[in-house]
Full PDB file with SEQRES, HELIX, SHEET, SSBOND, CRYST1, ORIGX, SCALE, CONECT and MASTER records, all heavy atoms in Angstrom:
SEQRES   1 A   35  GLY LEU VAL GLN PRO GLY GLY SER LEU ARG LEU SER CYS          
SEQRES   2 A   35  THR ALA SER GLY ARG THR PHE SER ILE TYR THR MET GLY          
SEQRES   3 A   35  TRP TYR ARG GLN ALA PRO GLY ASN GLN                          
HELIX    1 AA1 PHE A   20  ILE A   22  5                                   3    
CRYST1    1.000    1.000    1.000  90.00  90.00  90.00 P 1           1          
ORIGX1      1.000000  0.000000  0.000000        0.00000                         
ORIGX2      0.000000  1.000000  0.000000        0.00000                         
ORIGX3      0.000000  0.000000  1.000000        0.00000                         
SCALE1      1.000000  0.000000  0.000000        0.00000                         
SCALE2      0.000000  1.000000  0.000000        0.00000                         
SCALE3      0.000000  0.000000  1.000000        0.00000                         
ATOM      1  N   GLY A   1     113.079 -20.819  75.068  1.00  0.00           N  
ATOM      2  CA  GLY A   1     113.924 -19.653  75.209  1.00  0.00           C  
ATOM      3  C   GLY A   1     114.210 -19.001  73.880  1.00  0.00           C  
ATOM      4  O   GLY A   1     113.555 -19.274  72.873  1.00  0.00           O  
ATOM      5  N   LEU A   2     115.209 -18.123  73.889  1.00  0.00           N  
ATOM      6  CA  LEU A   2     115.640 -17.388  72.705  1.00  0.00           C  
ATOM      7  C   LEU A   2     116.902 -18.020  72.144  1.00  0.00           C  
ATOM      8  O   LEU A   2     117.859 -18.275  72.885  1.00  0.00           O  
ATOM      9  CB  LEU A   2     115.904 -15.927  73.068  1.00  0.00           C  
ATOM     10  CG  LEU A   2     116.492 -15.033  71.983  1.00  0.00           C  
ATOM     11  CD1 LEU A   2     115.514 -14.871  70.829  1.00  0.00           C  
ATOM     12  CD2 LEU A   2     116.862 -13.681  72.570  1.00  0.00           C  
ATOM     13  N   VAL A   3     116.908 -18.264  70.844  1.00  0.00           N  
ATOM     14  CA  VAL A   3     118.057 -18.869  70.187  1.00  0.00           C  
ATOM     15  C   VAL A   3     118.237 -18.240  68.809  1.00  0.00           C  
ATOM     16  O   VAL A   3     117.267 -17.804  68.183  1.00  0.00           O  
ATOM     17  CB  VAL A   3     117.883 -20.401  70.090  1.00  0.00           C  
ATOM     18  CG1 VAL A   3     116.727 -20.757  69.169  1.00  0.00           C  
ATOM     19  CG2 VAL A   3     119.165 -21.075  69.644  1.00  0.00           C  
ATOM     20  N   GLN A   4     119.474 -18.184  68.332  1.00  0.00           N  
ATOM     21  CA  GLN A   4     119.760 -17.656  67.003  1.00  0.00           C  
ATOM     22  C   GLN A   4     119.404 -18.662  65.924  1.00  0.00           C  
ATOM     23  O   GLN A   4     119.385 -19.872  66.166  1.00  0.00           O  
ATOM     24  CB  GLN A   4     121.242 -17.291  66.888  1.00  0.00           C  
ATOM     25  CG  GLN A   4     121.682 -16.165  67.793  1.00  0.00           C  
ATOM     26  CD  GLN A   4     123.137 -15.800  67.598  1.00  0.00           C  
ATOM     27  OE1 GLN A   4     123.795 -16.279  66.671  1.00  0.00           O  
ATOM     28  NE2 GLN A   4     123.652 -14.947  68.461  1.00  0.00           N  
ATOM     29  N   PRO A   5     119.096 -18.193  64.715  1.00  0.00           N  
ATOM     30  CA  PRO A   5     118.879 -19.128  63.612  1.00  0.00           C  
ATOM     31  C   PRO A   5     120.050 -20.082  63.465  1.00  0.00           C  
ATOM     32  O   PRO A   5     121.212 -19.687  63.559  1.00  0.00           O  
ATOM     33  CB  PRO A   5     118.740 -18.221  62.392  1.00  0.00           C  
ATOM     34  CG  PRO A   5     118.227 -16.936  62.953  1.00  0.00           C  
ATOM     35  CD  PRO A   5     118.893 -16.796  64.304  1.00  0.00           C  
ATOM     36  N   GLY A   6     119.734 -21.352  63.238  1.00  0.00           N  
ATOM     37  CA  GLY A   6     120.745 -22.387  63.163  1.00  0.00           C  
ATOM     38  C   GLY A   6     121.085 -23.030  64.489  1.00  0.00           C  
ATOM     39  O   GLY A   6     121.793 -24.045  64.511  1.00  0.00           O  
ATOM     40  N   GLY A   7     120.586 -22.474  65.575  1.00  0.00           N  
ATOM     41  CA  GLY A   7     120.855 -22.999  66.896  1.00  0.00           C  
ATOM     42  C   GLY A   7     119.944 -24.145  67.274  1.00  0.00           C  
ATOM     43  O   GLY A   7     119.124 -24.611  66.479  1.00  0.00           O  
ATOM     44  N   SER A   8     120.078 -24.590  68.528  1.00  0.00           N  
ATOM     45  CA  SER A   8     119.343 -25.752  69.021  1.00  0.00           C  
ATOM     46  C   SER A   8     118.726 -25.478  70.379  1.00  0.00           C  
ATOM     47  O   SER A   8     119.244 -24.690  71.171  1.00  0.00           O  
ATOM     48  CB  SER A   8     120.276 -26.959  69.148  1.00  0.00           C  
ATOM     49  OG  SER A   8     120.810 -27.351  67.899  1.00  0.00           O  
ATOM     50  N   LEU A   9     117.622 -26.151  70.635  1.00  0.00           N  
ATOM     51  CA  LEU A   9     116.976 -26.179  71.935  1.00  0.00           C  
ATOM     52  C   LEU A   9     116.428 -27.577  72.165  1.00  0.00           C  
ATOM     53  O   LEU A   9     116.101 -28.282  71.206  1.00  0.00           O  
ATOM     54  CB  LEU A   9     115.825 -25.181  72.030  1.00  0.00           C  
ATOM     55  CG  LEU A   9     116.144 -23.694  72.122  1.00  0.00           C  
ATOM     56  CD1 LEU A   9     114.849 -22.891  72.011  1.00  0.00           C  
ATOM     57  CD2 LEU A   9     116.853 -23.366  73.428  1.00  0.00           C  
ATOM     58  N   ARG A  10     116.304 -27.963  73.428  1.00  0.00           N  
ATOM     59  CA  ARG A  10     115.635 -29.201  73.787  1.00  0.00           C  
ATOM     60  C   ARG A  10     114.509 -28.902  74.761  1.00  0.00           C  
ATOM     61  O   ARG A  10     114.742 -28.379  75.858  1.00  0.00           O  
ATOM     62  CB  ARG A  10     116.598 -30.216  74.413  1.00  0.00           C  
ATOM     63  CG  ARG A  10     115.931 -31.589  74.633  1.00  0.00           C  
ATOM     64  CD  ARG A  10     116.852 -32.614  75.242  1.00  0.00           C  
ATOM     65  NE  ARG A  10     117.113 -32.336  76.650  1.00  0.00           N  
ATOM     66  CZ  ARG A  10     117.688 -33.194  77.491  1.00  0.00           C  
ATOM     67  NH1 ARG A  10     118.080 -34.387  77.043  1.00  0.00           N  
ATOM     68  NH2 ARG A  10     117.904 -32.853  78.747  1.00  0.00           N  
ATOM     69  N   LEU A  11     113.286 -29.239  74.360  1.00  0.00           N  
ATOM     70  CA  LEU A  11     112.121 -29.092  75.214  1.00  0.00           C  
ATOM     71  C   LEU A  11     111.882 -30.372  75.993  1.00  0.00           C  
ATOM     72  O   LEU A  11     112.074 -31.475  75.470  1.00  0.00           O  
ATOM     73  CB  LEU A  11     110.877 -28.769  74.389  1.00  0.00           C  
ATOM     74  CG  LEU A  11     110.958 -27.564  73.456  1.00  0.00           C  
ATOM     75  CD1 LEU A  11     109.607 -27.341  72.783  1.00  0.00           C  
ATOM     76  CD2 LEU A  11     111.405 -26.318  74.195  1.00  0.00           C  
ATOM     77  N   SER A  12     111.443 -30.227  77.233  1.00  0.00           N  
ATOM     78  CA  SER A  12     111.101 -31.362  78.077  1.00  0.00           C  
ATOM     79  C   SER A  12     109.697 -31.180  78.623  1.00  0.00           C  
ATOM     80  O   SER A  12     109.273 -30.065  78.920  1.00  0.00           O  
ATOM     81  CB  SER A  12     112.077 -31.501  79.247  1.00  0.00           C  
ATOM     82  OG  SER A  12     113.393 -31.745  78.801  1.00  0.00           O  
ATOM     83  N   CYS A  13     108.994 -32.283  78.778  1.00  0.00           N  
ATOM     84  CA  CYS A  13     107.651 -32.286  79.341  1.00  0.00           C  
ATOM     85  C   CYS A  13     107.557 -33.474  80.279  1.00  0.00           C  
ATOM     86  O   CYS A  13     107.619 -34.623  79.833  1.00  0.00           O  
ATOM     87  CB  CYS A  13     106.606 -32.376  78.232  1.00  0.00           C  
ATOM     88  SG  CYS A  13     104.907 -32.544  78.799  1.00  0.00           S  
ATOM     89  N   THR A  14     107.426 -33.197  81.559  1.00  0.00           N  
ATOM     90  CA  THR A  14     107.349 -34.232  82.580  1.00  0.00           C  
ATOM     91  C   THR A  14     105.929 -34.300  83.120  1.00  0.00           C  
ATOM     92  O   THR A  14     105.347 -33.283  83.486  1.00  0.00           O  
ATOM     93  CB  THR A  14     108.339 -33.964  83.716  1.00  0.00           C  
ATOM     94  OG1 THR A  14     109.675 -33.977  83.195  1.00  0.00           O  
ATOM     95  CG2 THR A  14     108.234 -35.042  84.790  1.00  0.00           C  
ATOM     96  N   ALA A  15     105.383 -35.506  83.180  1.00  0.00           N  
ATOM     97  CA  ALA A  15     103.986 -35.714  83.523  1.00  0.00           C  
ATOM     98  C   ALA A  15     103.831 -36.396  84.872  1.00  0.00           C  
ATOM     99  O   ALA A  15     104.684 -37.183  85.294  1.00  0.00           O  
ATOM    100  CB  ALA A  15     103.298 -36.559  82.458  1.00  0.00           C  
ATOM    101  N   SER A  16     102.722 -36.101  85.517  1.00  0.00           N  
ATOM    102  CA  SER A  16     102.302 -36.844  86.690  1.00  0.00           C  
ATOM    103  C   SER A  16     101.550 -38.098  86.254  1.00  0.00           C  
ATOM    104  O   SER A  16     101.207 -38.264  85.081  1.00  0.00           O  
ATOM    105  CB  SER A  16     101.411 -35.978  87.575  1.00  0.00           C  
ATOM    106  OG  SER A  16     100.207 -35.631  86.906  1.00  0.00           O  
ATOM    107  N   GLY A  17     101.282 -38.980  87.190  1.00  0.00           N  
ATOM    108  CA  GLY A  17     100.503 -40.163  86.906  1.00  0.00           C  
ATOM    109  C   GLY A  17     101.345 -41.405  86.692  1.00  0.00           C  
ATOM    110  O   GLY A  17     102.534 -41.328  86.364  1.00  0.00           O  
ATOM    111  N   ARG A  18     100.707 -42.552  86.837  1.00  0.00           N  
ATOM    112  CA  ARG A  18     101.382 -43.837  86.713  1.00  0.00           C  
ATOM    113  C   ARG A  18     101.097 -44.547  85.397  1.00  0.00           C  
ATOM    114  O   ARG A  18     101.596 -45.645  85.177  1.00  0.00           O  
ATOM    115  CB  ARG A  18     100.975 -44.742  87.874  1.00  0.00           C  
ATOM    116  CG  ARG A  18     101.382 -44.237  89.238  1.00  0.00           C  
ATOM    117  CD  ARG A  18     100.940 -45.185  90.329  1.00  0.00           C  
ATOM    118  NE  ARG A  18     101.310 -44.691  91.649  1.00  0.00           N  
ATOM    119  CZ  ARG A  18     102.452 -44.962  92.256  1.00  0.00           C  
ATOM    120  NH1 ARG A  18     103.354 -45.721  91.661  1.00  0.00           N  
ATOM    121  NH2 ARG A  18     102.702 -44.469  93.457  1.00  0.00           N  
ATOM    122  N   THR A  19     100.291 -43.940  84.515  1.00  0.00           N  
ATOM    123  CA  THR A  19      99.916 -44.556  83.256  1.00  0.00           C  
ATOM    124  C   THR A  19     100.483 -43.819  82.059  1.00  0.00           C  
ATOM    125  O   THR A  19      99.952 -43.915  80.959  1.00  0.00           O  
ATOM    126  CB  THR A  19      98.384 -44.649  83.132  1.00  0.00           C  
ATOM    127  OG1 THR A  19      97.812 -43.347  83.247  1.00  0.00           O  
ATOM    128  CG2 THR A  19      97.824 -45.563  84.210  1.00  0.00           C  
ATOM    129  N   PHE A  20     101.587 -43.105  82.242  1.00  0.00           N  
ATOM    130  CA  PHE A  20     102.205 -42.325  81.179  1.00  0.00           C  
ATOM    131  C   PHE A  20     102.485 -43.160  79.937  1.00  0.00           C  
ATOM    132  O   PHE A  20     102.302 -42.696  78.807  1.00  0.00           O  
ATOM    133  CB  PHE A  20     103.501 -41.702  81.704  1.00  0.00           C  
ATOM    134  CG  PHE A  20     104.260 -40.900  80.694  1.00  0.00           C  
ATOM    135  CD1 PHE A  20     103.962 -39.564  80.483  1.00  0.00           C  
ATOM    136  CD2 PHE A  20     105.285 -41.473  79.956  1.00  0.00           C  
ATOM    137  CE1 PHE A  20     104.670 -38.807  79.568  1.00  0.00           C  
ATOM    138  CE2 PHE A  20     106.003 -40.733  79.038  1.00  0.00           C  
ATOM    139  CZ  PHE A  20     105.691 -39.398  78.842  1.00  0.00           C  
ATOM    140  N   SER A  21     102.911 -44.390  80.124  1.00  0.00           N  
ATOM    141  CA  SER A  21     103.374 -45.209  79.016  1.00  0.00           C  
ATOM    142  C   SER A  21     102.287 -45.588  78.021  1.00  0.00           C  
ATOM    143  O   SER A  21     102.600 -45.998  76.903  1.00  0.00           O  
ATOM    144  CB  SER A  21     104.047 -46.485  79.546  1.00  0.00           C  
ATOM    145  OG  SER A  21     103.126 -47.277  80.266  1.00  0.00           O  
ATOM    146  N   ILE A  22     101.017 -45.464  78.380  1.00  0.00           N  
ATOM    147  CA  ILE A  22      99.936 -45.874  77.488  1.00  0.00           C  
ATOM    148  C   ILE A  22      99.551 -44.791  76.488  1.00  0.00           C  
ATOM    149  O   ILE A  22      98.801 -45.065  75.545  1.00  0.00           O  
ATOM    150  CB  ILE A  22      98.681 -46.311  78.271  1.00  0.00           C  
ATOM    151  CG1 ILE A  22      97.959 -45.107  78.886  1.00  0.00           C  
ATOM    152  CG2 ILE A  22      99.045 -47.340  79.333  1.00  0.00           C  
ATOM    153  CD1 ILE A  22      96.626 -45.454  79.521  1.00  0.00           C  
ATOM    154  N   TYR A  23     100.028 -43.579  76.673  1.00  0.00           N  
ATOM    155  CA  TYR A  23      99.592 -42.453  75.852  1.00  0.00           C  
ATOM    156  C   TYR A  23     100.509 -42.216  74.664  1.00  0.00           C  
ATOM    157  O   TYR A  23     101.722 -42.413  74.739  1.00  0.00           O  
ATOM    158  CB  TYR A  23      99.533 -41.166  76.683  1.00  0.00           C  
ATOM    159  CG  TYR A  23      98.514 -41.206  77.785  1.00  0.00           C  
ATOM    160  CD1 TYR A  23      98.909 -41.410  79.106  1.00  0.00           C  
ATOM    161  CD2 TYR A  23      97.165 -41.027  77.512  1.00  0.00           C  
ATOM    162  CE1 TYR A  23      97.968 -41.444  80.121  1.00  0.00           C  
ATOM    163  CE2 TYR A  23      96.228 -41.060  78.526  1.00  0.00           C  
ATOM    164  CZ  TYR A  23      96.629 -41.265  79.826  1.00  0.00           C  
ATOM    165  OH  TYR A  23      95.700 -41.297  80.834  1.00  0.00           O  
ATOM    166  N   THR A  24      99.904 -41.775  73.567  1.00  0.00           N  
ATOM    167  CA  THR A  24     100.663 -41.104  72.530  1.00  0.00           C  
ATOM    168  C   THR A  24     100.995 -39.698  73.020  1.00  0.00           C  
ATOM    169  O   THR A  24     100.104 -38.976  73.478  1.00  0.00           O  
ATOM    170  CB  THR A  24      99.872 -41.024  71.222  1.00  0.00           C  
ATOM    171  OG1 THR A  24      99.685 -42.342  70.707  1.00  0.00           O  
ATOM    172  CG2 THR A  24     100.611 -40.192  70.185  1.00  0.00           C  
ATOM    173  N   MET A  25     102.267 -39.330  72.934  1.00  0.00           N  
ATOM    174  CA  MET A  25     102.729 -38.023  73.381  1.00  0.00           C  
ATOM    175  C   MET A  25     103.094 -37.177  72.170  1.00  0.00           C  
ATOM    176  O   MET A  25     103.695 -37.674  71.215  1.00  0.00           O  
ATOM    177  CB  MET A  25     103.933 -38.151  74.303  1.00  0.00           C  
ATOM    178  CG  MET A  25     103.671 -38.979  75.554  1.00  0.00           C  
ATOM    179  SD  MET A  25     102.382 -38.255  76.610  1.00  0.00           S  
ATOM    180  CE  MET A  25     103.114 -36.647  76.976  1.00  0.00           C  
ATOM    181  N   GLY A  26     102.738 -35.912  72.225  1.00  0.00           N  
ATOM    182  CA  GLY A  26     103.011 -35.039  71.102  1.00  0.00           C  
ATOM    183  C   GLY A  26     103.440 -33.652  71.521  1.00  0.00           C  
ATOM    184  O   GLY A  26     103.236 -33.233  72.665  1.00  0.00           O  
ATOM    185  N   TRP A  27     104.067 -32.968  70.571  1.00  0.00           N  
ATOM    186  CA  TRP A  27     104.372 -31.550  70.697  1.00  0.00           C  
ATOM    187  C   TRP A  27     103.618 -30.793  69.613  1.00  0.00           C  
ATOM    188  O   TRP A  27     103.684 -31.150  68.428  1.00  0.00           O  
ATOM    189  CB  TRP A  27     105.873 -31.279  70.568  1.00  0.00           C  
ATOM    190  CG  TRP A  27     106.670 -31.728  71.749  1.00  0.00           C  
ATOM    191  CD1 TRP A  27     107.345 -32.902  71.888  1.00  0.00           C  
ATOM    192  CD2 TRP A  27     106.869 -30.997  72.961  1.00  0.00           C  
ATOM    193  NE1 TRP A  27     107.961 -32.950  73.113  1.00  0.00           N  
ATOM    194  CE2 TRP A  27     107.683 -31.795  73.799  1.00  0.00           C  
ATOM    195  CE3 TRP A  27     106.439 -29.755  73.421  1.00  0.00           C  
ATOM    196  CZ2 TRP A  27     108.081 -31.386  75.070  1.00  0.00           C  
ATOM    197  CZ3 TRP A  27     106.837 -29.347  74.688  1.00  0.00           C  
ATOM    198  CH2 TRP A  27     107.645 -30.159  75.490  1.00  0.00           C  
ATOM    199  N   TYR A  28     102.889 -29.773  70.026  1.00  0.00           N  
ATOM    200  CA  TYR A  28     102.180 -28.865  69.138  1.00  0.00           C  
ATOM    201  C   TYR A  28     102.768 -27.473  69.287  1.00  0.00           C  
ATOM    202  O   TYR A  28     103.412 -27.166  70.293  1.00  0.00           O  
ATOM    203  CB  TYR A  28     100.688 -28.823  69.475  1.00  0.00           C  
ATOM    204  CG  TYR A  28      99.928 -30.091  69.160  1.00  0.00           C  
ATOM    205  CD1 TYR A  28     100.121 -31.253  69.896  1.00  0.00           C  
ATOM    206  CD2 TYR A  28      98.988 -30.118  68.125  1.00  0.00           C  
ATOM    207  CE1 TYR A  28      99.414 -32.411  69.617  1.00  0.00           C  
ATOM    208  CE2 TYR A  28      98.269 -31.266  67.847  1.00  0.00           C  
ATOM    209  CZ  TYR A  28      98.487 -32.410  68.593  1.00  0.00           C  
ATOM    210  OH  TYR A  28      97.774 -33.556  68.309  1.00  0.00           O  
ATOM    211  N   ARG A  29     102.529 -26.623  68.292  1.00  0.00           N  
ATOM    212  CA  ARG A  29     102.980 -25.250  68.403  1.00  0.00           C  
ATOM    213  C   ARG A  29     101.945 -24.306  67.814  1.00  0.00           C  
ATOM    214  O   ARG A  29     101.167 -24.676  66.934  1.00  0.00           O  
ATOM    215  CB  ARG A  29     104.336 -25.033  67.728  1.00  0.00           C  
ATOM    216  CG  ARG A  29     104.330 -25.194  66.217  1.00  0.00           C  
ATOM    217  CD  ARG A  29     105.748 -25.122  65.673  1.00  0.00           C  
ATOM    218  NE  ARG A  29     105.785 -25.268  64.225  1.00  0.00           N  
ATOM    219  CZ  ARG A  29     106.901 -25.400  63.515  1.00  0.00           C  
ATOM    220  NH1 ARG A  29     108.084 -25.401  64.131  1.00  0.00           N  
ATOM    221  NH2 ARG A  29     106.835 -25.520  62.195  1.00  0.00           N  
ATOM    222  N   GLN A  30     101.957 -23.078  68.311  1.00  0.00           N  
ATOM    223  CA  GLN A  30     101.042 -22.055  67.840  1.00  0.00           C  
ATOM    224  C   GLN A  30     101.761 -20.719  67.814  1.00  0.00           C  
ATOM    225  O   GLN A  30     102.233 -20.241  68.841  1.00  0.00           O  
ATOM    226  CB  GLN A  30      99.800 -21.967  68.722  1.00  0.00           C  
ATOM    227  CG  GLN A  30      98.732 -21.032  68.193  1.00  0.00           C  
ATOM    228  CD  GLN A  30      97.413 -21.197  68.915  1.00  0.00           C  
ATOM    229  OE1 GLN A  30      97.372 -21.680  70.049  1.00  0.00           O  
ATOM    230  NE2 GLN A  30      96.326 -20.812  68.269  1.00  0.00           N  
ATOM    231  N   ALA A  31     101.851 -20.133  66.632  1.00  0.00           N  
ATOM    232  CA  ALA A  31     102.414 -18.807  66.451  1.00  0.00           C  
ATOM    233  C   ALA A  31     101.286 -17.781  66.448  1.00  0.00           C  
ATOM    234  O   ALA A  31     100.136 -18.120  66.134  1.00  0.00           O  
ATOM    235  CB  ALA A  31     103.204 -18.736  65.153  1.00  0.00           C  
ATOM    236  N   PRO A  32     101.578 -16.520  66.772  1.00  0.00           N  
ATOM    237  CA  PRO A  32     100.534 -15.495  66.777  1.00  0.00           C  
ATOM    238  C   PRO A  32      99.803 -15.420  65.445  1.00  0.00           C  
ATOM    239  O   PRO A  32     100.424 -15.367  64.379  1.00  0.00           O  
ATOM    240  CB  PRO A  32     101.300 -14.206  67.067  1.00  0.00           C  
ATOM    241  CG  PRO A  32     102.501 -14.658  67.837  1.00  0.00           C  
ATOM    242  CD  PRO A  32     102.874 -15.990  67.232  1.00  0.00           C  
ATOM    243  N   GLY A  33      98.477 -15.441  65.498  1.00  0.00           N  
ATOM    244  CA  GLY A  33      97.664 -15.375  64.300  1.00  0.00           C  
ATOM    245  C   GLY A  33      97.493 -16.678  63.561  1.00  0.00           C  
ATOM    246  O   GLY A  33      96.766 -16.715  62.558  1.00  0.00           O  
ATOM    247  N   ASN A  34      98.145 -17.741  64.017  1.00  0.00           N  
ATOM    248  CA  ASN A  34      98.070 -19.035  63.350  1.00  0.00           C  
ATOM    249  C   ASN A  34      97.318 -20.052  64.195  1.00  0.00           C  
ATOM    250  O   ASN A  34      97.171 -19.895  65.405  1.00  0.00           O  
ATOM    251  CB  ASN A  34      99.472 -19.571  63.053  1.00  0.00           C  
ATOM    252  CG  ASN A  34     100.215 -18.754  62.024  1.00  0.00           C  
ATOM    253  OD1 ASN A  34      99.618 -17.975  61.285  1.00  0.00           O  
ATOM    254  ND2 ASN A  34     101.524 -18.928  61.972  1.00  0.00           N  
ATOM    255  N   GLN A  35      96.866 -21.116  63.546  1.00  0.00           N  
ATOM    256  CA  GLN A  35      96.253 -22.230  64.255  1.00  0.00           C  
ATOM    257  C   GLN A  35      97.325 -23.098  64.904  1.00  0.00           C  
ATOM    258  O   GLN A  35      98.473 -23.131  64.455  1.00  0.00           O  
ATOM    259  CB  GLN A  35      95.414 -23.075  63.301  1.00  0.00           C  
ATOM    260  CG  GLN A  35      94.182 -22.376  62.755  1.00  0.00           C  
ATOM    261  CD  GLN A  35      93.330 -23.296  61.914  1.00  0.00           C  
ATOM    262  OE1 GLN A  35      93.843 -24.134  61.171  1.00  0.00           O  
ATOM    263  NE2 GLN A  35      92.015 -23.151  62.029  1.00  0.00           N  
TER     264      GLN A  35                                                      
MASTER        0    0    0    1    0    0    0    6  263    1    0    3          
END                                                                             
């Protein structure tokens, strides 16, 4: 969502499957024009 500088957000990612615990989980980001 939209937040002011200095503010906070919490992202959540819920997965299907019964083998979730075996994976390394990560968060990536991509801004316009960037990798």
